[in-house]
Amino acid sequence: QYVYSPDAESRAVIDELATLYDSKPVTLVRAIYERPVNPAQSFA
């Protein structure tokens, strides 16, 4: 069994994620898939 149990700070961020997912799903998907795979390489 698994229980949803983030701390208060994480819960607030997840709540914002849910709001974004409901209001702008395409923007969220793009942000996730367009992020650099390797941030250090992207910086270089």
All heavy atoms as atom14 arrays in JSON, in Angstrom:
{
  "sequence": "QYVYSPDAESRAVIDELATLYDSKPVTLVRAIYERPVNPAQSFA",
  "atom14_mask": [
    [1, 1, 1, 1, 1, 1, 1, 1, 1, 0, 0, 0, 0, 0],
    [1, 1, 1, 1, 1, 1, 1, 1, 1, 1, 1, 1, 0, 0],
    [1, 1, 1, 1, 1, 1, 1, 0, 0, 0, 0, 0, 0, 0],
    [1, 1, 1, 1, 1, 1, 1, 1, 1, 1, 1, 1, 0, 0],
    [1, 1, 1, 1, 1, 1, 0, 0, 0, 0, 0, 0, 0, 0],
    [1, 1, 1, 1, 1, 1, 1, 0, 0, 0, 0, 0, 0, 0],
    [1, 1, 1, 1, 1, 1, 1, 1, 0, 0, 0, 0, 0, 0],
    [1, 1, 1, 1, 1, 0, 0, 0, 0, 0, 0, 0, 0, 0],
    [1, 1, 1, 1, 1, 1, 1, 1, 1, 0, 0, 0, 0, 0],
    [1, 1, 1, 1, 1, 1, 0, 0, 0, 0, 0, 0, 0, 0],
    [1, 1, 1, 1, 1, 1, 1, 1, 1, 1, 1, 0, 0, 0],
    [1, 1, 1, 1, 1, 0, 0, 0, 0, 0, 0, 0, 0, 0],
    [1, 1, 1, 1, 1, 1, 1, 0, 0, 0, 0, 0, 0, 0],
    [1, 1, 1, 1, 1, 1, 1, 1, 0, 0, 0, 0, 0, 0],
    [1, 1, 1, 1, 1, 1, 1, 1, 0, 0, 0, 0, 0, 0],
    [1, 1, 1, 1, 1, 1, 1, 1, 1, 0, 0, 0, 0, 0],
    [1, 1, 1, 1, 1, 1, 1, 1, 0, 0, 0, 0, 0, 0],
    [1, 1, 1, 1, 1, 0, 0, 0, 0, 0, 0, 0, 0, 0],
    [1, 1, 1, 1, 1, 1, 1, 0, 0, 0, 0, 0, 0, 0],
    [1, 1, 1, 1, 1, 1, 1, 1, 0, 0, 0, 0, 0, 0],
    [1, 1, 1, 1, 1, 1, 1, 1, 1, 1, 1, 1, 0, 0],
    [1, 1, 1, 1, 1, 1, 1, 1, 0, 0, 0, 0, 0, 0],
    [1, 1, 1, 1, 1, 1, 0, 0, 0, 0, 0, 0, 0, 0],
    [1, 1, 1, 1, 1, 1, 1, 1, 1, 0, 0, 0, 0, 0],
    [1, 1, 1, 1, 1, 1, 1, 0, 0, 0, 0, 0, 0, 0],
    [1, 1, 1, 1, 1, 1, 1, 0, 0, 0, 0, 0, 0, 0],
    [1, 1, 1, 1, 1, 1, 1, 0, 0, 0, 0, 0, 0, 0],
    [1, 1, 1, 1, 1, 1, 1, 1, 0, 0, 0, 0, 0, 0],
    [1, 1, 1, 1, 1, 1, 1, 0, 0, 0, 0, 0, 0, 0],
    [1, 1, 1, 1, 1, 1, 1, 1, 1, 1, 1, 0, 0, 0],
    [1, 1, 1, 1, 1, 0, 0, 0, 0, 0, 0, 0, 0, 0],
    [1, 1, 1, 1, 1, 1, 1, 1, 0, 0, 0, 0, 0, 0],
    [1, 1, 1, 1, 1, 1, 1, 1, 1, 1, 1, 1, 0, 0],
    [1, 1, 1, 1, 1, 1, 1, 1, 1, 0, 0, 0, 0, 0],
    [1, 1, 1, 1, 1, 1, 1, 1, 1, 1, 1, 0, 0, 0],
    [1, 1, 1, 1, 1, 1, 1, 0, 0, 0, 0, 0, 0, 0],
    [1, 1, 1, 1, 1, 1, 1, 0, 0, 0, 0, 0, 0, 0],
    [1, 1, 1, 1, 1, 1, 1, 1, 0, 0, 0, 0, 0, 0],
    [1, 1, 1, 1, 1, 1, 1, 0, 0, 0, 0, 0, 0, 0],
    [1, 1, 1, 1, 1, 0, 0, 0, 0, 0, 0, 0, 0, 0],
    [1, 1, 1, 1, 1, 1, 1, 1, 1, 0, 0, 0, 0, 0],
    [1, 1, 1, 1, 1, 1, 0, 0, 0, 0, 0, 0, 0, 0],
    [1, 1, 1, 1, 1, 1, 1, 1, 1, 1, 1, 0, 0, 0],
    [1, 1, 1, 1, 1, 0, 0, 0, 0, 0, 0, 0, 0, 0]
  ],
  "atom14_positions": [
    [[0.83, -1.21, 0.0], [0.0, 0.0, 0.0], [0.86, 1.26, 0.0], [1.95, 1.28, 0.58], [-0.92, 0.01, 1.23], [-1.92, -1.12, 1.23], [-2.88, -1.05, 0.05], [-3.44, 0.0, -0.23], [-3.05, -2.16, -0.63], [0.0, 0.0, 0.0], [0.0, 0.0, 0.0], [0.0, 0.0, 0.0], [0.0, 0.0, 0.0], [0.0, 0.0, 0.0]],
    [[0.35, 2.28, -0.63], [1.0, 3.59, -0.66], [0.02, 4.63, -0.18], [-1.17, 4.55, -0.47], [1.43, 3.94, -2.09], [2.53, 3.07, -2.63], [2.24, 1.84, -3.21], [3.85, 3.48, -2.57], [3.25, 1.04, -3.71], [4.87, 2.68, -3.08], [4.55, 1.46, -3.64], [5.55, 0.68, -4.14], [0.0, 0.0, 0.0], [0.0, 0.0, 0.0]],
    [[0.53, 5.61, 0.56], [-0.29, 6.71, 1.07], [0.35, 8.02, 0.66], [1.56, 8.2, 0.81], [-0.41, 6.63, 2.61], [-1.2, 7.81, 3.16], [-1.04, 5.32, 3.03], [0.0, 0.0, 0.0], [0.0, 0.0, 0.0], [0.0, 0.0, 0.0], [0.0, 0.0, 0.0], [0.0, 0.0, 0.0], [0.0, 0.0, 0.0], [0.0, 0.0, 0.0]],
    [[-0.46, 8.92, 0.13], [-0.01, 10.25, -0.24], [0.39, 10.98, 1.04], [-0.4, 11.14, 1.95], [-1.18, 10.97, -0.94], [-0.91, 12.38, -1.38], [-0.1, 12.65, -2.47], [-1.52, 13.45, -0.74], [0.12, 13.95, -2.9], [-1.31, 14.75, -1.17], [-0.51, 14.99, -2.25], [-0.3, 16.28, -2.68], [0.0, 0.0, 0.0], [0.0, 0.0, 0.0]],
    [[1.68, 11.41, 1.12], [2.14, 11.97, 2.39], [3.24, 13.03, 2.24], [4.23, 12.99, 2.95], [2.65, 10.85, 3.28], [3.76, 10.22, 2.64], [0.0, 0.0, 0.0], [0.0, 0.0, 0.0], [0.0, 0.0, 0.0], [0.0, 0.0, 0.0], [0.0, 0.0, 0.0], [0.0, 0.0, 0.0], [0.0, 0.0, 0.0], [0.0, 0.0, 0.0]],
    [[3.08, 13.99, 1.33], [4.12, 15.02, 1.23], [4.07, 15.95, 2.44], [3.04, 16.06, 3.11], [3.75, 15.78, -0.05], [2.27, 15.59, -0.17], [2.0, 14.21, 0.38], [0.0, 0.0, 0.0], [0.0, 0.0, 0.0], [0.0, 0.0, 0.0], [0.0, 0.0, 0.0], [0.0, 0.0, 0.0], [0.0, 0.0, 0.0], [0.0, 0.0, 0.0]],
    [[5.2, 16.61, 2.71], [5.19, 17.59, 3.79], [4.39, 18.81, 3.33], [3.96, 18.89, 2.17], [6.61, 17.98, 4.2], [7.42, 18.6, 3.07], [6.85, 19.23, 2.16], [8.66, 18.45, 3.09], [0.0, 0.0, 0.0], [0.0, 0.0, 0.0], [0.0, 0.0, 0.0], [0.0, 0.0, 0.0], [0.0, 0.0, 0.0], [0.0, 0.0, 0.0]],
    [[4.15, 19.74, 4.23], [3.29, 20.9, 3.93], [3.8, 21.72, 2.75], [3.02, 22.15, 1.89], [3.15, 21.78, 5.17], [0.0, 0.0, 0.0], [0.0, 0.0, 0.0], [0.0, 0.0, 0.0], [0.0, 0.0, 0.0], [0.0, 0.0, 0.0], [0.0, 0.0, 0.0], [0.0, 0.0, 0.0], [0.0, 0.0, 0.0], [0.0, 0.0, 0.0]],
    [[5.1, 21.94, 2.69], [5.67, 22.73, 1.6], [5.49, 22.01, 0.25], [5.07, 22.63, -0.73], [7.15, 22.99, 1.85], [7.79, 23.89, 0.82], [9.26, 24.18, 1.15], [9.68, 24.03, 2.32], [9.97, 24.56, 0.22], [0.0, 0.0, 0.0], [0.0, 0.0, 0.0], [0.0, 0.0, 0.0], [0.0, 0.0, 0.0], [0.0, 0.0, 0.0]],
    [[5.78, 20.74, 0.23], [5.61, 19.96, -1.0], [4.15, 19.88, -1.4], [3.8, 19.96, -2.58], [6.18, 18.56, -0.84], [7.57, 18.6, -0.65], [0.0, 0.0, 0.0], [0.0, 0.0, 0.0], [0.0, 0.0, 0.0], [0.0, 0.0, 0.0], [0.0, 0.0, 0.0], [0.0, 0.0, 0.0], [0.0, 0.0, 0.0], [0.0, 0.0, 0.0]],
    [[3.28, 19.74, -0.41], [1.83, 19.66, -0.68], [1.35, 20.94, -1.38], [0.58, 20.88, -2.33], [1.08, 19.44, 0.63], [-0.4, 19.15, 0.44], [-1.05, 18.86, 1.79], [-0.45, 17.73, 2.45], [-0.92, 16.48, 2.4], [-2.0, 16.23, 1.7], [-0.33, 15.51, 3.05], [0.0, 0.0, 0.0], [0.0, 0.0, 0.0], [0.0, 0.0, 0.0]],
    [[1.85, 22.09, -0.93], [1.47, 23.36, -1.56], [1.94, 23.42, -3.01], [1.21, 23.87, -3.9], [2.03, 24.53, -0.76], [0.0, 0.0, 0.0], [0.0, 0.0, 0.0], [0.0, 0.0, 0.0], [0.0, 0.0, 0.0], [0.0, 0.0, 0.0], [0.0, 0.0, 0.0], [0.0, 0.0, 0.0], [0.0, 0.0, 0.0], [0.0, 0.0, 0.0]],
    [[3.15, 22.94, -3.26], [3.69, 22.94, -4.63], [2.89, 21.96, -5.5], [2.57, 22.27, -6.65], [5.19, 22.59, -4.63], [5.71, 22.38, -6.04], [5.98, 23.69, -3.93], [0.0, 0.0, 0.0], [0.0, 0.0, 0.0], [0.0, 0.0, 0.0], [0.0, 0.0, 0.0], [0.0, 0.0, 0.0], [0.0, 0.0, 0.0], [0.0, 0.0, 0.0]],
    [[2.55, 20.82, -4.95], [1.77, 19.83, -5.71], [0.37, 20.37, -6.0], [-0.18, 20.16, -7.09], [1.72, 18.48, -4.95], [3.12, 17.88, -4.89], [0.74, 17.51, -5.62], [3.27, 16.73, -3.91], [0.0, 0.0, 0.0], [0.0, 0.0, 0.0], [0.0, 0.0, 0.0], [0.0, 0.0, 0.0], [0.0, 0.0, 0.0], [0.0, 0.0, 0.0]],
    [[-0.19, 21.12, -5.06], [-1.49, 21.76, -5.3], [-1.39, 22.75, -6.47], [-2.29, 22.82, -7.31], [-1.99, 22.47, -4.04], [-2.41, 21.51, -2.95], [-2.58, 20.3, -3.23], [-2.57, 21.97, -1.8], [0.0, 0.0, 0.0], [0.0, 0.0, 0.0], [0.0, 0.0, 0.0], [0.0, 0.0, 0.0], [0.0, 0.0, 0.0], [0.0, 0.0, 0.0]],
    [[-0.29, 23.49, -6.53], [-0.09, 24.42, -7.65], [0.1, 23.65, -8.96], [-0.4, 24.06, -10.01], [1.13, 25.31, -7.39], [0.91, 26.35, -6.31], [2.12, 27.22, -6.09], [2.83, 27.54, -7.06], [2.36, 27.59, -4.92], [0.0, 0.0, 0.0], [0.0, 0.0, 0.0], [0.0, 0.0, 0.0], [0.0, 0.0, 0.0], [0.0, 0.0, 0.0]],
    [[0.81, 22.53, -8.89], [0.99, 21.68, -10.06], [-0.37, 21.2, -10.57], [-0.63, 21.21, -11.78], [1.88, 20.49, -9.71], [2.08, 19.44, -10.8], [2.88, 20.02, -11.96], [2.79, 18.23, -10.21], [0.0, 0.0, 0.0], [0.0, 0.0, 0.0], [0.0, 0.0, 0.0], [0.0, 0.0, 0.0], [0.0, 0.0, 0.0], [0.0, 0.0, 0.0]],
    [[-1.24, 20.79, -9.66], [-2.57, 20.32, -10.04], [-3.37, 21.44, -10.7], [-4.07, 21.21, -11.7], [-3.31, 19.79, -8.81], [0.0, 0.0, 0.0], [0.0, 0.0, 0.0], [0.0, 0.0, 0.0], [0.0, 0.0, 0.0], [0.0, 0.0, 0.0], [0.0, 0.0, 0.0], [0.0, 0.0, 0.0], [0.0, 0.0, 0.0], [0.0, 0.0, 0.0]],
    [[-3.25, 22.64, -10.17], [-3.95, 23.78, -10.76], [-3.45, 24.04, -12.18], [-4.25, 24.26, -13.1], [-3.76, 25.05, -9.89], [-4.31, 24.79, -8.59], [-4.42, 26.26, -10.5], [0.0, 0.0, 0.0], [0.0, 0.0, 0.0], [0.0, 0.0, 0.0], [0.0, 0.0, 0.0], [0.0, 0.0, 0.0], [0.0, 0.0, 0.0], [0.0, 0.0, 0.0]],
    [[-2.14, 24.0, -12.36], [-1.56, 24.2, -13.68], [-1.98, 23.08, -14.63], [-2.32, 23.32, -15.78], [-0.03, 24.28, -13.59], [0.71, 24.52, -14.9], [0.29, 25.84, -15.54], [2.21, 24.53, -14.65], [0.0, 0.0, 0.0], [0.0, 0.0, 0.0], [0.0, 0.0, 0.0], [0.0, 0.0, 0.0], [0.0, 0.0, 0.0], [0.0, 0.0, 0.0]],
    [[-1.98, 21.85, -14.14], [-2.37, 20.7, -14.94], [-3.82, 20.84, -15.41], [-4.14, 20.52, -16.55], [-2.2, 19.42, -14.13], [-2.47, 18.16, -14.89], [-1.49, 17.61, -15.72], [-3.69, 17.5, -14.8], [-1.72, 16.44, -16.43], [-3.93, 16.33, -15.5], [-2.95, 15.81, -16.31], [-3.18, 14.66, -17.02], [0.0, 0.0, 0.0], [0.0, 0.0, 0.0]],
    [[-4.68, 21.37, -14.54], [-6.09, 21.54, -14.89], [-6.33, 22.74, -15.81], [-7.18, 22.69, -16.69], [-6.95, 21.71, -13.63], [-7.05, 20.43, -12.83], [-6.83, 19.34, -13.41], [-7.34, 20.52, -11.62], [0.0, 0.0, 0.0], [0.0, 0.0, 0.0], [0.0, 0.0, 0.0], [0.0, 0.0, 0.0], [0.0, 0.0, 0.0], [0.0, 0.0, 0.0]],
    [[-5.56, 23.82, -15.62], [-5.81, 25.04, -16.37], [-4.99, 25.17, -17.64], [-5.45, 25.75, -18.62], [-5.59, 26.27, -15.48], [-4.23, 26.35, -15.1], [0.0, 0.0, 0.0], [0.0, 0.0, 0.0], [0.0, 0.0, 0.0], [0.0, 0.0, 0.0], [0.0, 0.0, 0.0], [0.0, 0.0, 0.0], [0.0, 0.0, 0.0], [0.0, 0.0, 0.0]],
    [[-3.77, 24.66, -17.65], [-2.88, 24.79, -18.8], [-2.07, 23.51, -19.02], [-0.84, 23.5, -18.92], [-1.93, 25.97, -18.59], [-2.64, 27.3, -18.48], [-1.67, 28.44, -18.33], [-2.47, 29.73, -18.23], [-1.62, 30.89, -18.18], [0.0, 0.0, 0.0], [0.0, 0.0, 0.0], [0.0, 0.0, 0.0], [0.0, 0.0, 0.0], [0.0, 0.0, 0.0]],
    [[-2.75, 22.42, -19.35], [-2.04, 21.15, -19.48], [-0.99, 21.14, -20.58], [0.07, 20.54, -20.42], [-3.15, 20.14, -19.76], [-4.28, 20.95, -20.28], [-4.17, 22.3, -19.63], [0.0, 0.0, 0.0], [0.0, 0.0, 0.0], [0.0, 0.0, 0.0], [0.0, 0.0, 0.0], [0.0, 0.0, 0.0], [0.0, 0.0, 0.0], [0.0, 0.0, 0.0]],
    [[-1.25, 21.81, -21.69], [-0.27, 21.83, -22.79], [1.0, 22.55, -22.36], [2.12, 22.1, -22.64], [-0.88, 22.46, -24.05], [0.17, 22.64, -25.15], [-2.06, 21.63, -24.56], [0.0, 0.0, 0.0], [0.0, 0.0, 0.0], [0.0, 0.0, 0.0], [0.0, 0.0, 0.0], [0.0, 0.0, 0.0], [0.0, 0.0, 0.0], [0.0, 0.0, 0.0]],
    [[0.84, 23.65, -21.65], [2.0, 24.4, -21.15], [2.82, 23.54, -20.2], [4.05, 23.52, -20.27], [1.54, 25.68, -20.43], [0.78, 26.47, -21.35], [2.71, 26.48, -19.91], [0.0, 0.0, 0.0], [0.0, 0.0, 0.0], [0.0, 0.0, 0.0], [0.0, 0.0, 0.0], [0.0, 0.0, 0.0], [0.0, 0.0, 0.0], [0.0, 0.0, 0.0]],
    [[2.16, 22.8, -19.34], [2.86, 21.92, -18.4], [3.61, 20.82, -19.14], [4.78, 20.57, -18.86], [1.87, 21.32, -17.4], [2.47, 20.33, -16.41], [3.5, 21.01, -15.52], [1.39, 19.69, -15.58], [0.0, 0.0, 0.0], [0.0, 0.0, 0.0], [0.0, 0.0, 0.0], [0.0, 0.0, 0.0], [0.0, 0.0, 0.0], [0.0, 0.0, 0.0]],
    [[2.96, 20.19, -20.08], [3.6, 19.11, -20.84], [4.82, 19.64, -21.58], [5.89, 19.03, -21.56], [2.61, 18.44, -21.81], [3.32, 17.49, -22.76], [1.53, 17.7, -21.03], [0.0, 0.0, 0.0], [0.0, 0.0, 0.0], [0.0, 0.0, 0.0], [0.0, 0.0, 0.0], [0.0, 0.0, 0.0], [0.0, 0.0, 0.0], [0.0, 0.0, 0.0]],
    [[4.68, 20.79, -22.21], [5.82, 21.38, -22.92], [6.97, 21.68, -21.96], [8.13, 21.43, -22.26], [5.41, 22.67, -23.62], [4.7, 22.43, -24.91], [4.46, 23.74, -25.62], [3.71, 23.51, -26.84], [2.92, 24.38, -27.4], [2.75, 25.58, -26.86], [2.28, 24.09, -28.51], [0.0, 0.0, 0.0], [0.0, 0.0, 0.0], [0.0, 0.0, 0.0]],
    [[6.65, 22.25, -20.81], [7.7, 22.58, -19.84], [8.44, 21.33, -19.38], [9.66, 21.36, -19.21], [7.08, 23.31, -18.64], [0.0, 0.0, 0.0], [0.0, 0.0, 0.0], [0.0, 0.0, 0.0], [0.0, 0.0, 0.0], [0.0, 0.0, 0.0], [0.0, 0.0, 0.0], [0.0, 0.0, 0.0], [0.0, 0.0, 0.0], [0.0, 0.0, 0.0]],
    [[7.73, 20.26, -19.21], [8.35, 19.02, -18.76], [9.22, 18.41, -19.84], [10.37, 18.03, -19.61], [7.29, 18.01, -18.27], [6.69, 18.51, -16.96], [7.88, 16.61, -18.11], [5.49, 17.74, -16.49], [0.0, 0.0, 0.0], [0.0, 0.0, 0.0], [0.0, 0.0, 0.0], [0.0, 0.0, 0.0], [0.0, 0.0, 0.0], [0.0, 0.0, 0.0]],
    [[8.7, 18.34, -21.06], [9.44, 17.67, -22.12], [10.5, 18.54, -22.78], [11.42, 18.02, -23.4], [8.49, 17.12, -23.18], [7.79, 15.88, -22.69], [6.44, 15.88, -22.39], [8.5, 14.7, -22.49], [5.8, 14.74, -21.93], [7.87, 13.56, -22.02], [6.53, 13.59, -21.74], [5.89, 12.46, -21.28], [0.0, 0.0, 0.0], [0.0, 0.0, 0.0]],
    [[10.42, 19.84, -22.62], [11.42, 20.72, -23.22], [12.54, 21.09, -22.26], [13.47, 21.76, -22.64], [10.75, 22.0, -23.74], [9.87, 21.73, -24.95], [9.13, 22.96, -25.43], [9.24, 24.04, -24.81], [8.42, 22.84, -26.45], [0.0, 0.0, 0.0], [0.0, 0.0, 0.0], [0.0, 0.0, 0.0], [0.0, 0.0, 0.0], [0.0, 0.0, 0.0]],
    [[12.48, 20.63, -21.04], [13.54, 20.94, -20.09], [14.81, 20.2, -20.5], [14.75, 19.14, -21.1], [13.15, 20.58, -18.66], [13.06, 19.1, -18.41], [12.64, 18.81, -16.98], [12.29, 17.43, -16.82], [13.16, 16.45, -16.67], [14.43, 16.7, -16.64], [12.75, 15.21, -16.53], [0.0, 0.0, 0.0], [0.0, 0.0, 0.0], [0.0, 0.0, 0.0]],
    [[15.94, 20.79, -20.2], [17.2, 20.14, -20.58], [17.35, 18.78, -19.89], [17.04, 18.65, -18.71], [18.28, 21.09, -20.07], [17.59, 22.36, -19.75], [16.14, 22.06, -19.55], [0.0, 0.0, 0.0], [0.0, 0.0, 0.0], [0.0, 0.0, 0.0], [0.0, 0.0, 0.0], [0.0, 0.0, 0.0], [0.0, 0.0, 0.0], [0.0, 0.0, 0.0]],
    [[17.82, 17.81, -20.63], [18.04, 16.49, -20.06], [19.2, 16.55, -19.08], [19.15, 15.98, -18.0], [18.32, 15.46, -21.17], [18.68, 14.11, -20.58], [17.12, 15.35, -22.08], [0.0, 0.0, 0.0], [0.0, 0.0, 0.0], [0.0, 0.0, 0.0], [0.0, 0.0, 0.0], [0.0, 0.0, 0.0], [0.0, 0.0, 0.0], [0.0, 0.0, 0.0]],
    [[20.23, 17.27, -19.45], [21.4, 17.42, -18.6], [21.67, 18.91, -18.41], [22.24, 19.55, -19.28], [22.62, 16.74, -19.24], [23.84, 16.8, -18.37], [23.96, 17.64, -17.48], [24.77, 15.9, -18.63], [0.0, 0.0, 0.0], [0.0, 0.0, 0.0], [0.0, 0.0, 0.0], [0.0, 0.0, 0.0], [0.0, 0.0, 0.0], [0.0, 0.0, 0.0]],
    [[21.23, 19.49, -17.29], [21.38, 20.93, -17.09], [22.82, 21.41, -17.2], [23.08, 22.48, -17.75], [20.84, 21.16, -15.68], [19.97, 19.99, -15.4], [20.55, 18.84, -16.19], [0.0, 0.0, 0.0], [0.0, 0.0, 0.0], [0.0, 0.0, 0.0], [0.0, 0.0, 0.0], [0.0, 0.0, 0.0], [0.0, 0.0, 0.0], [0.0, 0.0, 0.0]],
    [[23.8, 20.63, -16.74], [25.2, 21.05, -16.82], [25.63, 21.15, -18.28], [26.33, 22.09, -18.67], [26.09, 20.08, -16.05], [0.0, 0.0, 0.0], [0.0, 0.0, 0.0], [0.0, 0.0, 0.0], [0.0, 0.0, 0.0], [0.0, 0.0, 0.0], [0.0, 0.0, 0.0], [0.0, 0.0, 0.0], [0.0, 0.0, 0.0], [0.0, 0.0, 0.0]],
    [[25.21, 20.17, -19.09], [25.57, 20.21, -20.51], [24.9, 21.38, -21.2], [25.52, 22.06, -22.02], [25.18, 18.9, -21.2], [25.59, 18.84, -22.66], [27.1, 18.89, -22.82], [27.82, 18.15, -22.17], [27.59, 19.77, -23.68], [0.0, 0.0, 0.0], [0.0, 0.0, 0.0], [0.0, 0.0, 0.0], [0.0, 0.0, 0.0], [0.0, 0.0, 0.0]],
    [[23.65, 21.66, -20.86], [22.96, 22.8, -21.46], [23.64, 24.1, -21.11], [23.77, 25.0, -21.94], [21.5, 22.84, -20.99], [20.82, 21.71, -21.47], [0.0, 0.0, 0.0], [0.0, 0.0, 0.0], [0.0, 0.0, 0.0], [0.0, 0.0, 0.0], [0.0, 0.0, 0.0], [0.0, 0.0, 0.0], [0.0, 0.0, 0.0], [0.0, 0.0, 0.0]],
    [[24.1, 24.21, -19.87], [24.82, 25.41, -19.43], [26.12, 25.54, -20.22], [26.45, 26.61, -20.73], [25.1, 25.33, -17.93], [25.83, 26.52, -17.39], [25.17, 27.73, -17.22], [27.17, 26.45, -17.06], [25.83, 28.83, -16.73], [27.84, 27.54, -16.56], [27.17, 28.75, -16.39], [0.0, 0.0, 0.0], [0.0, 0.0, 0.0], [0.0, 0.0, 0.0]],
    [[26.86, 24.46, -20.36], [28.12, 24.48, -21.11], [27.87, 24.82, -22.57], [28.63, 25.59, -23.18], [28.83, 23.14, -20.98], [0.0, 0.0, 0.0], [0.0, 0.0, 0.0], [0.0, 0.0, 0.0], [0.0, 0.0, 0.0], [0.0, 0.0, 0.0], [0.0, 0.0, 0.0], [0.0, 0.0, 0.0], [0.0, 0.0, 0.0], [0.0, 0.0, 0.0]]
  ]
}
